[in-house]
Amino acid sequence: MKRFSLFIVQIYVFYWFKAPCAVSAPVNDLNLLKELSMYPDKAVSKAGITAFLRHQWYLSDLLVSFSFFDQNVSYQIKKKMVTALSYKNSEDYKNRIKIDTADLMDDRMEF
């Protein structure tokens, strides 16, 4: 119970209260995923990431495009996003975040 409570207070509550803002959802989700991957209790980290990945069904081009209107996303990132849109003819442009859960115990996990 202590481990669960620590996770809720240190990570989850912050993103729970930011969830209603649709414009910030893509950035918040990415930041949550990063924080989960760096969480010191690896068992809790793995459980959190596994649960998060079950809920990525809603991620779409439309939702991610909300980031263009998010004031917390830098101009440089938005510029990179526009450049990435040119790869639409690529075979894998619609790939979503894929994480091998075997890598969850590896501190070098990158996004």
PDB file of N, CA and C in Angstrom:
ATOM      1  N   MET A   1       0.824  -1.185   0.000  1.00  0.00           N
ATOM      2  CA  MET A   1       0.000   0.000   0.000  1.00  0.00           C
ATOM      3  C   MET A   1       0.875   1.259   0.000  1.00  0.00           C
ATOM      4  N   LYS A   2       2.002   1.196   0.720  1.00  0.00           N
ATOM      5  CA  LYS A   2       2.897   2.349   0.778  1.00  0.00           C
ATOM      6  C   LYS A   2       3.467   2.661  -0.602  1.00  0.00           C
ATOM      7  N   ARG A   3       3.886   1.637  -1.351  1.00  0.00           N
ATOM      8  CA  ARG A   3       4.447   1.835  -2.680  1.00  0.00           C
ATOM      9  C   ARG A   3       3.421   2.458  -3.618  1.00  0.00           C
ATOM     10  N   PHE A   4       2.199   1.966  -3.550  1.00  0.00           N
ATOM     11  CA  PHE A   4       1.114   2.486  -4.379  1.00  0.00           C
ATOM     12  C   PHE A   4       0.833   3.951  -4.029  1.00  0.00           C
ATOM     13  N   SER A   5       0.758   4.256  -2.746  1.00  0.00           N
ATOM     14  CA  SER A   5       0.476   5.621  -2.297  1.00  0.00           C
ATOM     15  C   SER A   5       1.572   6.586  -2.736  1.00  0.00           C
ATOM     16  N   LEU A   6       2.822   6.162  -2.635  1.00  0.00           N
ATOM     17  CA  LEU A   6       3.933   7.005  -3.077  1.00  0.00           C
ATOM     18  C   LEU A   6       3.828   7.309  -4.572  1.00  0.00           C
ATOM     19  N   PHE A   7       3.509   6.299  -5.350  1.00  0.00           N
ATOM     20  CA  PHE A   7       3.357   6.499  -6.794  1.00  0.00           C
ATOM     21  C   PHE A   7       2.234   7.489  -7.091  1.00  0.00           C
ATOM     22  N   ILE A   8       1.115   7.322  -6.425  1.00  0.00           N
ATOM     23  CA  ILE A   8      -0.037   8.204  -6.649  1.00  0.00           C
ATOM     24  C   ILE A   8       0.332   9.649  -6.332  1.00  0.00           C
ATOM     25  N   VAL A   9       0.983   9.870  -5.200  1.00  0.00           N
ATOM     26  CA  VAL A   9       1.328  11.226  -4.777  1.00  0.00           C
ATOM     27  C   VAL A   9       2.437  11.823  -5.634  1.00  0.00           C
ATOM     28  N   GLN A  10       3.450  11.028  -5.966  1.00  0.00           N
ATOM     29  CA  GLN A  10       4.611  11.561  -6.674  1.00  0.00           C
ATOM     30  C   GLN A  10       4.384  11.744  -8.168  1.00  0.00           C
ATOM     31  N   ILE A  11       3.564  10.917  -8.781  1.00  0.00           N
ATOM     32  CA  ILE A  11       3.416  10.952 -10.241  1.00  0.00           C
ATOM     33  C   ILE A  11       1.970  11.154 -10.687  1.00  0.00           C
ATOM     34  N   TYR A  12       1.094  10.266 -10.281  1.00  0.00           N
ATOM     35  CA  TYR A  12      -0.229  10.142 -10.881  1.00  0.00           C
ATOM     36  C   TYR A  12      -1.136  11.357 -10.682  1.00  0.00           C
ATOM     37  N   VAL A  13      -1.166  11.907  -9.491  1.00  0.00           N
ATOM     38  CA  VAL A  13      -2.091  13.012  -9.183  1.00  0.00           C
ATOM     39  C   VAL A  13      -1.854  14.202 -10.109  1.00  0.00           C
ATOM     40  N   PHE A  14      -0.595  14.531 -10.358  1.00  0.00           N
ATOM     41  CA  PHE A  14      -0.261  15.663 -11.217  1.00  0.00           C
ATOM     42  C   PHE A  14      -0.898  15.503 -12.603  1.00  0.00           C
ATOM     43  N   TYR A  15      -0.743  14.329 -13.196  1.00  0.00           N
ATOM     44  CA  TYR A  15      -1.283  14.102 -14.537  1.00  0.00           C
ATOM     45  C   TYR A  15      -2.800  13.903 -14.526  1.00  0.00           C
ATOM     46  N   TRP A  16      -3.337  13.416 -13.433  1.00  0.00           N
ATOM     47  CA  TRP A  16      -4.786  13.273 -13.310  1.00  0.00           C
ATOM     48  C   TRP A  16      -5.468  14.640 -13.398  1.00  0.00           C
ATOM     49  N   PHE A  17      -4.906  15.630 -12.729  1.00  0.00           N
ATOM     50  CA  PHE A  17      -5.510  16.958 -12.752  1.00  0.00           C
ATOM     51  C   PHE A  17      -5.267  17.698 -14.062  1.00  0.00           C
ATOM     52  N   LYS A  18      -4.270  17.308 -14.821  1.00  0.00           N
ATOM     53  CA  LYS A  18      -4.008  17.929 -16.119  1.00  0.00           C
ATOM     54  C   LYS A  18      -4.798  17.242 -17.240  1.00  0.00           C
ATOM     55  N   ALA A  19      -5.370  16.098 -16.979  1.00  0.00           N
ATOM     56  CA  ALA A  19      -6.050  15.301 -18.006  1.00  0.00           C
ATOM     57  C   ALA A  19      -7.197  16.015 -18.723  1.00  0.00           C
ATOM     58  N   PRO A  20      -7.986  16.851 -18.076  1.00  0.00           N
ATOM     59  CA  PRO A  20      -9.105  17.480 -18.794  1.00  0.00           C
ATOM     60  C   PRO A  20      -8.696  18.418 -19.931  1.00  0.00           C
ATOM     61  N   CYS A  21      -7.470  18.851 -19.984  1.00  0.00           N
ATOM     62  CA  CYS A  21      -7.015  19.776 -21.023  1.00  0.00           C
ATOM     63  C   CYS A  21      -6.601  18.987 -22.272  1.00  0.00           C
ATOM     64  N   ALA A  22      -7.489  18.890 -23.245  1.00  0.00           N
ATOM     65  CA  ALA A  22      -7.250  18.082 -24.445  1.00  0.00           C
ATOM     66  C   ALA A  22      -6.048  18.567 -25.259  1.00  0.00           C
ATOM     67  N   VAL A  23      -5.828  19.857 -25.290  1.00  0.00           N
ATOM     68  CA  VAL A  23      -4.727  20.419 -26.065  1.00  0.00           C
ATOM     69  C   VAL A  23      -3.380  19.930 -25.527  1.00  0.00           C
ATOM     70  N   SER A  24      -3.293  19.743 -24.232  1.00  0.00           N
ATOM     71  CA  SER A  24      -2.041  19.310 -23.602  1.00  0.00           C
ATOM     72  C   SER A  24      -1.926  17.785 -23.481  1.00  0.00           C
ATOM     73  N   ALA A  25      -2.946  17.063 -23.866  1.00  0.00           N
ATOM     74  CA  ALA A  25      -2.954  15.608 -23.666  1.00  0.00           C
ATOM     75  C   ALA A  25      -1.760  14.888 -24.291  1.00  0.00           C
ATOM     76  N   PRO A  26      -1.398  15.151 -25.536  1.00  0.00           N
ATOM     77  CA  PRO A  26      -0.263  14.412 -26.108  1.00  0.00           C
ATOM     78  C   PRO A  26       1.044  14.645 -25.346  1.00  0.00           C
ATOM     79  N   VAL A  27       1.320  15.874 -24.987  1.00  0.00           N
ATOM     80  CA  VAL A  27       2.549  16.184 -24.256  1.00  0.00           C
ATOM     81  C   VAL A  27       2.502  15.597 -22.850  1.00  0.00           C
ATOM     82  N   ASN A  28       1.352  15.708 -22.209  1.00  0.00           N
ATOM     83  CA  ASN A  28       1.213  15.148 -20.864  1.00  0.00           C
ATOM     84  C   ASN A  28       1.408  13.637 -20.884  1.00  0.00           C
ATOM     85  N   ASP A  29       0.850  12.974 -21.886  1.00  0.00           N
ATOM     86  CA  ASP A  29       1.000  11.519 -21.974  1.00  0.00           C
ATOM     87  C   ASP A  29       2.457  11.130 -22.181  1.00  0.00           C
ATOM     88  N   LEU A  30       3.146  11.849 -23.036  1.00  0.00           N
ATOM     89  CA  LEU A  30       4.561  11.555 -23.265  1.00  0.00           C
ATOM     90  C   LEU A  30       5.374  11.799 -21.998  1.00  0.00           C
ATOM     91  N   ASN A  31       5.095  12.901 -21.309  1.00  0.00           N
ATOM     92  CA  ASN A  31       5.816  13.190 -20.066  1.00  0.00           C
ATOM     93  C   ASN A  31       5.514  12.152 -18.988  1.00  0.00           C
ATOM     94  N   LEU A  32       4.266  11.712 -18.904  1.00  0.00           N
ATOM     95  CA  LEU A  32       3.911  10.666 -17.948  1.00  0.00           C
ATOM     96  C   LEU A  32       4.676   9.386 -18.264  1.00  0.00           C
ATOM     97  N   LEU A  33       4.733   9.030 -19.523  1.00  0.00           N
ATOM     98  CA  LEU A  33       5.449   7.822 -19.924  1.00  0.00           C
ATOM     99  C   LEU A  33       6.932   7.920 -19.577  1.00  0.00           C
ATOM    100  N   LYS A  34       7.516   9.085 -19.796  1.00  0.00           N
ATOM    101  CA  LYS A  34       8.926   9.293 -19.434  1.00  0.00           C
ATOM    102  C   LYS A  34       9.128   9.155 -17.924  1.00  0.00           C
ATOM    103  N   GLU A  35       8.237   9.786 -17.149  1.00  0.00           N
ATOM    104  CA  GLU A  35       8.363   9.702 -15.692  1.00  0.00           C
ATOM    105  C   GLU A  35       8.181   8.275 -15.202  1.00  0.00           C
ATOM    106  N   LEU A  36       7.244   7.563 -15.814  1.00  0.00           N
ATOM    107  CA  LEU A  36       7.046   6.162 -15.433  1.00  0.00           C
ATOM    108  C   LEU A  36       8.301   5.339 -15.703  1.00  0.00           C
ATOM    109  N   SER A  37       8.954   5.601 -16.817  1.00  0.00           N
ATOM    110  CA  SER A  37      10.142   4.824 -17.164  1.00  0.00           C
ATOM    111  C   SER A  37      11.315   5.121 -16.228  1.00  0.00           C
ATOM    112  N   MET A  38      11.319   6.300 -15.611  1.00  0.00           N
ATOM    113  CA  MET A  38      12.417   6.674 -14.709  1.00  0.00           C
ATOM    114  C   MET A  38      12.059   6.467 -13.234  1.00  0.00           C
ATOM    115  N   TYR A  39      10.854   6.002 -12.966  1.00  0.00           N
ATOM    116  CA  TYR A  39      10.421   5.829 -11.575  1.00  0.00           C
ATOM    117  C   TYR A  39      11.319   4.802 -10.887  1.00  0.00           C
ATOM    118  N   PRO A  40      11.811   5.112  -9.692  1.00  0.00           N
ATOM    119  CA  PRO A  40      12.794   4.243  -9.048  1.00  0.00           C
ATOM    120  C   PRO A  40      12.296   2.829  -8.704  1.00  0.00           C
ATOM    121  N   ASP A  41      11.036   2.689  -8.353  1.00  0.00           N
ATOM    122  CA  ASP A  41      10.479   1.361  -8.047  1.00  0.00           C
ATOM    123  C   ASP A  41      10.097   0.706  -9.371  1.00  0.00           C
ATOM    124  N   LYS A  42      10.963  -0.163  -9.880  1.00  0.00           N
ATOM    125  CA  LYS A  42      10.784  -0.729 -11.224  1.00  0.00           C
ATOM    126  C   LYS A  42       9.535  -1.604 -11.348  1.00  0.00           C
ATOM    127  N   ALA A  43       9.101  -2.233 -10.290  1.00  0.00           N
ATOM    128  CA  ALA A  43       7.870  -3.029 -10.357  1.00  0.00           C
ATOM    129  C   ALA A  43       6.670  -2.114 -10.581  1.00  0.00           C
ATOM    130  N   VAL A  44       6.637  -1.008  -9.868  1.00  0.00           N
ATOM    131  CA  VAL A  44       5.557  -0.034 -10.039  1.00  0.00           C
ATOM    132  C   VAL A  44       5.667   0.608 -11.418  1.00  0.00           C
ATOM    133  N   SER A  45       6.890   0.902 -11.843  1.00  0.00           N
ATOM    134  CA  SER A  45       7.130   1.482 -13.163  1.00  0.00           C
ATOM    135  C   SER A  45       6.587   0.580 -14.265  1.00  0.00           C
ATOM    136  N   LYS A  46       6.907  -0.692 -14.175  1.00  0.00           N
ATOM    137  CA  LYS A  46       6.448  -1.650 -15.189  1.00  0.00           C
ATOM    138  C   LYS A  46       4.926  -1.754 -15.203  1.00  0.00           C
ATOM    139  N   ALA A  47       4.323  -1.811 -14.025  1.00  0.00           N
ATOM    140  CA  ALA A  47       2.856  -1.893 -13.940  1.00  0.00           C
ATOM    141  C   ALA A  47       2.206  -0.632 -14.518  1.00  0.00           C
ATOM    142  N   GLY A  48       2.781   0.532 -14.222  1.00  0.00           N
ATOM    143  CA  GLY A  48       2.237   1.788 -14.734  1.00  0.00           C
ATOM    144  C   GLY A  48       2.339   1.883 -16.240  1.00  0.00           C
ATOM    145  N   ILE A  49       3.480   1.493 -16.787  1.00  0.00           N
ATOM    146  CA  ILE A  49       3.665   1.551 -18.239  1.00  0.00           C
ATOM    147  C   ILE A  49       2.759   0.546 -18.934  1.00  0.00           C
ATOM    148  N   THR A  50       2.638  -0.630 -18.364  1.00  0.00           N
ATOM    149  CA  THR A  50       1.747  -1.646 -18.945  1.00  0.00           C
ATOM    150  C   THR A  50       0.309  -1.136 -18.987  1.00  0.00           C
ATOM    151  N   ALA A  51      -0.139  -0.520 -17.901  1.00  0.00           N
ATOM    152  CA  ALA A  51      -1.499   0.041 -17.869  1.00  0.00           C
ATOM    153  C   ALA A  51      -1.636   1.176 -18.867  1.00  0.00           C
ATOM    154  N   PHE A  52      -0.631   2.034 -18.946  1.00  0.00           N
ATOM    155  CA  PHE A  52      -0.657   3.158 -19.889  1.00  0.00           C
ATOM    156  C   PHE A  52      -0.788   2.657 -21.318  1.00  0.00           C
ATOM    157  N   LEU A  53      -0.030   1.639 -21.674  1.00  0.00           N
ATOM    158  CA  LEU A  53      -0.047   1.134 -23.047  1.00  0.00           C
ATOM    159  C   LEU A  53      -1.383   0.509 -23.435  1.00  0.00           C
ATOM    160  N   ARG A  54      -2.152   0.058 -22.452  1.00  0.00           N
ATOM    161  CA  ARG A  54      -3.496  -0.470 -22.751  1.00  0.00           C
ATOM    162  C   ARG A  54      -4.464   0.650 -23.131  1.00  0.00           C
ATOM    163  N   HIS A  55      -4.096   1.876 -22.831  1.00  0.00           N
ATOM    164  CA  HIS A  55      -4.990   3.007 -23.075  1.00  0.00           C
ATOM    165  C   HIS A  55      -4.522   3.914 -24.202  1.00  0.00           C
ATOM    166  N   GLN A  56      -3.651   3.433 -25.043  1.00  0.00           N
ATOM    167  CA  GLN A  56      -3.182   4.289 -26.134  1.00  0.00           C
ATOM    168  C   GLN A  56      -4.066   4.170 -27.375  1.00  0.00           C
ATOM    169  N   TRP A  57      -5.158   3.454 -27.284  1.00  0.00           N
ATOM    170  CA  TRP A  57      -6.064   3.299 -28.417  1.00  0.00           C
ATOM    171  C   TRP A  57      -6.599   4.642 -28.907  1.00  0.00           C
ATOM    172  N   TYR A  58      -6.704   5.609 -28.010  1.00  0.00           N
ATOM    173  CA  TYR A  58      -7.279   6.902 -28.380  1.00  0.00           C
ATOM    174  C   TYR A  58      -6.280   7.807 -29.099  1.00  0.00           C
ATOM    175  N   LEU A  59      -5.006   7.454 -29.087  1.00  0.00           N
ATOM    176  CA  LEU A  59      -4.018   8.290 -29.766  1.00  0.00           C
ATOM    177  C   LEU A  59      -4.239   8.229 -31.266  1.00  0.00           C
ATOM    178  N   SER A  60      -4.324   9.371 -31.864  1.00  0.00           N
ATOM    179  CA  SER A  60      -4.539   9.440 -33.300  1.00  0.00           C
ATOM    180  C   SER A  60      -3.854  10.690 -33.835  1.00  0.00           C
ATOM    181  N   ASP A  61      -3.811  10.809 -35.144  1.00  0.00           N
ATOM    182  CA  ASP A  61      -3.233  12.004 -35.754  1.00  0.00           C
ATOM    183  C   ASP A  61      -3.965  13.256 -35.284  1.00  0.00           C
ATOM    184  N   LEU A  62      -5.275  13.161 -35.124  1.00  0.00           N
ATOM    185  CA  LEU A  62      -6.067  14.311 -34.699  1.00  0.00           C
ATOM    186  C   LEU A  62      -5.678  14.747 -33.291  1.00  0.00           C
ATOM    187  N   LEU A  63      -5.592  13.806 -32.369  1.00  0.00           N
ATOM    188  CA  LEU A  63      -5.255  14.160 -30.997  1.00  0.00           C
ATOM    189  C   LEU A  63      -3.848  14.742 -30.912  1.00  0.00           C
ATOM    190  N   VAL A  64      -2.908  14.122 -31.603  1.00  0.00           N
ATOM    191  CA  VAL A  64      -1.539  14.621 -31.562  1.00  0.00           C
ATOM    192  C   VAL A  64      -1.453  16.011 -32.182  1.00  0.00           C
ATOM    193  N   SER A  65      -2.303  16.297 -33.165  1.00  0.00           N
ATOM    194  CA  SER A  65      -2.287  17.628 -33.790  1.00  0.00           C
ATOM    195  C   SER A  65      -2.716  18.723 -32.812  1.00  0.00           C
ATOM    196  N   PHE A  66      -3.369  18.361 -31.717  1.00  0.00           N
ATOM    197  CA  PHE A  66      -3.712  19.351 -30.692  1.00  0.00           C
ATOM    198  C   PHE A  66      -2.456  20.029 -30.141  1.00  0.00           C
ATOM    199  N   SER A  67      -1.326  19.342 -30.217  1.00  0.00           N
ATOM    200  CA  SER A  67      -0.070  19.892 -29.696  1.00  0.00           C
ATOM    201  C   SER A  67       0.333  21.180 -30.386  1.00  0.00           C
ATOM    202  N   PHE A  68      -0.154  21.390 -31.600  1.00  0.00           N
ATOM    203  CA  PHE A  68       0.155  22.639 -32.300  1.00  0.00           C
ATOM    204  C   PHE A  68      -0.440  23.847 -31.571  1.00  0.00           C
ATOM    205  N   PHE A  69      -1.462  23.620 -30.769  1.00  0.00           N
ATOM    206  CA  PHE A  69      -2.131  24.702 -30.053  1.00  0.00           C
ATOM    207  C   PHE A  69      -1.721  24.784 -28.584  1.00  0.00           C
ATOM    208  N   ASP A  70      -0.845  23.906 -28.168  1.00  0.00           N
ATOM    209  CA  ASP A  70      -0.397  23.871 -26.777  1.00  0.00           C
ATOM    210  C   ASP A  70       0.727  24.886 -26.572  1.00  0.00           C
ATOM    211  N   GLN A  71       0.522  25.810 -25.665  1.00  0.00           N
ATOM    212  CA  GLN A  71       1.523  26.843 -25.394  1.00  0.00           C
ATOM    213  C   GLN A  71       2.776  26.269 -24.730  1.00  0.00           C
ATOM    214  N   ASN A  72       2.674  25.084 -24.167  1.00  0.00           N
ATOM    215  CA  ASN A  72       3.820  24.463 -23.496  1.00  0.00           C
ATOM    216  C   ASN A  72       4.736  23.714 -24.453  1.00  0.00           C
ATOM    217  N   VAL A  73       4.334  23.594 -25.707  1.00  0.00           N
ATOM    218  CA  VAL A  73       5.178  22.946 -26.711  1.00  0.00           C
ATOM    219  C   VAL A  73       5.961  24.040 -27.425  1.00  0.00           C
ATOM    220  N   SER A  74       7.262  23.876 -27.430  1.00  0.00           N
ATOM    221  CA  SER A  74       8.119  24.927 -27.994  1.00  0.00           C
ATOM    222  C   SER A  74       7.950  25.048 -29.509  1.00  0.00           C
ATOM    223  N   TYR A  75       8.336  26.196 -30.004  1.00  0.00           N
ATOM    224  CA  TYR A  75       8.287  26.459 -31.437  1.00  0.00           C
ATOM    225  C   TYR A  75       9.153  25.450 -32.198  1.00  0.00           C
ATOM    226  N   GLN A  76      10.322  25.127 -31.643  1.00  0.00           N
ATOM    227  CA  GLN A  76      11.237  24.185 -32.298  1.00  0.00           C
ATOM    228  C   GLN A  76      10.599  22.800 -32.428  1.00  0.00           C
ATOM    229  N   ILE A  77       9.905  22.365 -31.403  1.00  0.00           N
ATOM    230  CA  ILE A  77       9.233  21.061 -31.458  1.00  0.00           C
ATOM    231  C   ILE A  77       8.113  21.101 -32.488  1.00  0.00           C
ATOM    232  N   LYS A  78       7.362  22.170 -32.513  1.00  0.00           N
ATOM    233  CA  LYS A  78       6.279  22.293 -33.495  1.00  0.00           C
ATOM    234  C   LYS A  78       6.834  22.284 -34.917  1.00  0.00           C
ATOM    235  N   LYS A  79       7.987  22.906 -35.100  1.00  0.00           N
ATOM    236  CA  LYS A  79       8.634  22.902 -36.405  1.00  0.00           C
ATOM    237  C   LYS A  79       9.032  21.478 -36.809  1.00  0.00           C
ATOM    238  N   LYS A  80       9.553  20.712 -35.855  1.00  0.00           N
ATOM    239  CA  LYS A  80       9.909  19.314 -36.115  1.00  0.00           C
ATOM    240  C   LYS A  80       8.660  18.489 -36.433  1.00  0.00           C
ATOM    241  N   MET A  81       7.558  18.815 -35.785  1.00  0.00           N
ATOM    242  CA  MET A  81       6.302  18.105 -36.043  1.00  0.00           C
ATOM    243  C   MET A  81       5.843  18.347 -37.480  1.00  0.00           C
ATOM    244  N   VAL A  82       5.963  19.589 -37.940  1.00  0.00           N
ATOM    245  CA  VAL A  82       5.581  19.923 -39.315  1.00  0.00           C
ATOM    246  C   VAL A  82       6.471  19.166 -40.293  1.00  0.00           C
ATOM    247  N   THR A  83       7.763  19.118 -40.005  1.00  0.00           N
ATOM    248  CA  THR A  83       8.693  18.371 -40.854  1.00  0.00           C
ATOM    249  C   THR A  83       8.317  16.889 -40.885  1.00  0.00           C
ATOM    250  N   ALA A  84       7.951  16.344 -39.739  1.00  0.00           N
ATOM    251  CA  ALA A  84       7.582  14.927 -39.664  1.00  0.00           C
ATOM    252  C   ALA A  84       6.326  14.623 -40.475  1.00  0.00           C
ATOM    253  N   LEU A  85       5.457  15.619 -40.625  1.00  0.00           N
ATOM    254  CA  LEU A  85       4.243  15.409 -41.418  1.00  0.00           C
ATOM    255  C   LEU A  85       4.569  15.126 -42.883  1.00  0.00           C
ATOM    256  N   SER A  86       5.729  15.550 -43.333  1.00  0.00           N
ATOM    257  CA  SER A  86       6.112  15.304 -44.727  1.00  0.00           C
ATOM    258  C   SER A  86       6.426  13.832 -44.983  1.00  0.00           C
ATOM    259  N   TYR A  87       6.594  13.056 -43.924  1.00  0.00           N
ATOM    260  CA  TYR A  87       6.881  11.629 -44.061  1.00  0.00           C
ATOM    261  C   TYR A  87       5.611  10.796 -44.160  1.00  0.00           C
ATOM    262  N   LYS A  88       4.503  11.441 -44.412  1.00  0.00           N
ATOM    263  CA  LYS A  88       3.219  10.744 -44.439  1.00  0.00           C
ATOM    264  C   LYS A  88       3.191   9.611 -45.464  1.00  0.00           C
ATOM    265  N   ASN A  89       3.926   9.736 -46.547  1.00  0.00           N
ATOM    266  CA  ASN A  89       3.944   8.678 -47.555  1.00  0.00           C
ATOM    267  C   ASN A  89       4.781   7.485 -47.126  1.00  0.00           C
ATOM    268  N   SER A  90       5.464   7.641 -46.015  1.00  0.00           N
ATOM    269  CA  SER A  90       6.248   6.546 -45.484  1.00  0.00           C
ATOM    270  C   SER A  90       5.320   5.427 -45.031  1.00  0.00           C
ATOM    271  N   GLU A  91       5.812   4.216 -45.089  1.00  0.00           N
ATOM    272  CA  GLU A  91       5.001   3.055 -44.742  1.00  0.00           C
ATOM    273  C   GLU A  91       4.621   3.035 -43.261  1.00  0.00           C
ATOM    274  N   ASP A  92       5.464   3.569 -42.392  1.00  0.00           N
ATOM    275  CA  ASP A  92       5.211   3.452 -40.968  1.00  0.00           C
ATOM    276  C   ASP A  92       4.870   4.779 -40.292  1.00  0.00           C
ATOM    277  N   TYR A  93       4.299   5.733 -41.004  1.00  0.00           N
ATOM    278  CA  TYR A  93       4.014   7.035 -40.405  1.00  0.00           C
ATOM    279  C   TYR A  93       2.952   6.969 -39.317  1.00  0.00           C
ATOM    280  N   LYS A  94       2.141   5.943 -39.298  1.00  0.00           N
ATOM    281  CA  LYS A  94       1.087   5.857 -38.292  1.00  0.00           C
ATOM    282  C   LYS A  94       1.480   4.994 -37.100  1.00  0.00           C
ATOM    283  N   ASN A  95       2.734   4.608 -37.043  1.00  0.00           N
ATOM    284  CA  ASN A  95       3.162   3.796 -35.903  1.00  0.00           C
ATOM    285  C   ASN A  95       2.982   4.565 -34.608  1.00  0.00           C
ATOM    286  N   ARG A  96       2.541   3.851 -33.623  1.00  0.00           N
ATOM    287  CA  ARG A  96       2.380   4.445 -32.311  1.00  0.00           C
ATOM    288  C   ARG A  96       3.581   4.080 -31.466  1.00  0.00           C
ATOM    289  N   ILE A  97       3.621   4.613 -30.284  1.00  0.00           N
ATOM    290  CA  ILE A  97       4.713   4.301 -29.378  1.00  0.00           C
ATOM    291  C   ILE A  97       4.686   2.811 -29.095  1.00  0.00           C
ATOM    292  N   LYS A  98       5.817   2.193 -29.276  1.00  0.00           N
ATOM    293  CA  LYS A  98       5.930   0.767 -28.990  1.00  0.00           C
ATOM    294  C   LYS A  98       7.051   0.585 -27.989  1.00  0.00           C
ATOM    295  N   ILE A  99       6.751  -0.103 -26.921  1.00  0.00           N
ATOM    296  CA  ILE A  99       7.747  -0.336 -25.894  1.00  0.00           C
ATOM    297  C   ILE A  99       7.781  -1.824 -25.603  1.00  0.00           C
ATOM    298  N   ASP A 100       8.953  -2.376 -25.661  1.00  0.00           N
ATOM    299  CA  ASP A 100       9.142  -3.766 -25.285  1.00  0.00           C
ATOM    300  C   ASP A 100       9.215  -3.800 -23.770  1.00  0.00           C
ATOM    301  N   THR A 101       8.274  -4.446 -23.129  1.00  0.00           N
ATOM    302  CA  THR A 101       8.238  -4.432 -21.668  1.00  0.00           C
ATOM    303  C   THR A 101       9.461  -5.104 -21.064  1.00  0.00           C
ATOM    304  N   ALA A 102      10.220  -5.872 -21.841  1.00  0.00           N
ATOM    305  CA  ALA A 102      11.467  -6.444 -21.339  1.00  0.00           C
ATOM    306  C   ALA A 102      12.483  -5.337 -21.078  1.00  0.00           C
ATOM    307  N   ASP A 103      12.336  -4.210 -21.774  1.00  0.00           N
ATOM    308  CA  ASP A 103      13.249  -3.080 -21.600  1.00  0.00           C
ATOM    309  C   ASP A 103      12.914  -2.236 -20.376  1.00  0.00           C
ATOM    310  N   LEU A 104      11.815  -2.527 -19.714  1.00  0.00           N
ATOM    311  CA  LEU A 104      11.384  -1.680 -18.606  1.00  0.00           C
ATOM    312  C   LEU A 104      12.362  -1.695 -17.444  1.00  0.00           C
ATOM    313  N   MET A 105      13.114  -2.736 -17.315  1.00  0.00           N
ATOM    314  CA  MET A 105      14.083  -2.796 -16.228  1.00  0.00           C
ATOM    315  C   MET A 105      15.405  -2.147 -16.634  1.00  0.00           C
ATOM    316  N   ASP A 106      15.497  -1.713 -17.870  1.00  0.00           N
ATOM    317  CA  ASP A 106      16.707  -1.073 -18.370  1.00  0.00           C
ATOM    318  C   ASP A 106      16.604   0.427 -18.165  1.00  0.00           C
ATOM    319  N   ASP A 107      17.547   1.001 -17.443  1.00  0.00           N
ATOM    320  CA  ASP A 107      17.523   2.437 -17.127  1.00  0.00           C
ATOM    321  C   ASP A 107      17.792   3.300 -18.357  1.00  0.00           C
ATOM    322  N   ARG A 108      18.195   2.701 -19.465  1.00  0.00           N
ATOM    323  CA  ARG A 108      18.543   3.482 -20.651  1.00  0.00           C
ATOM    324  C   ARG A 108      17.379   3.613 -21.606  1.00  0.00           C
ATOM    325  N   MET A 109      16.162   3.344 -21.199  1.00  0.00           N
ATOM    326  CA  MET A 109      15.006   3.416 -22.068  1.00  0.00           C
ATOM    327  C   MET A 109      14.852   4.809 -22.654  1.00  0.00           C
ATOM    328  N   GLU A 110      14.670   4.911 -23.956  1.00  0.00           N
ATOM    329  CA  GLU A 110      14.571   6.205 -24.608  1.00  0.00           C
ATOM    330  C   GLU A 110      13.263   6.321 -25.365  1.00  0.00           C
ATOM    331  N   PHE A 111      12.835   7.573 -25.558  1.00  0.00           N
ATOM    332  CA  PHE A 111      11.618   7.852 -26.317  1.00  0.00           C
ATOM    333  C   PHE A 111      11.961   8.820 -27.410  1.00  0.00           C
TER     334      PHE A 111
END
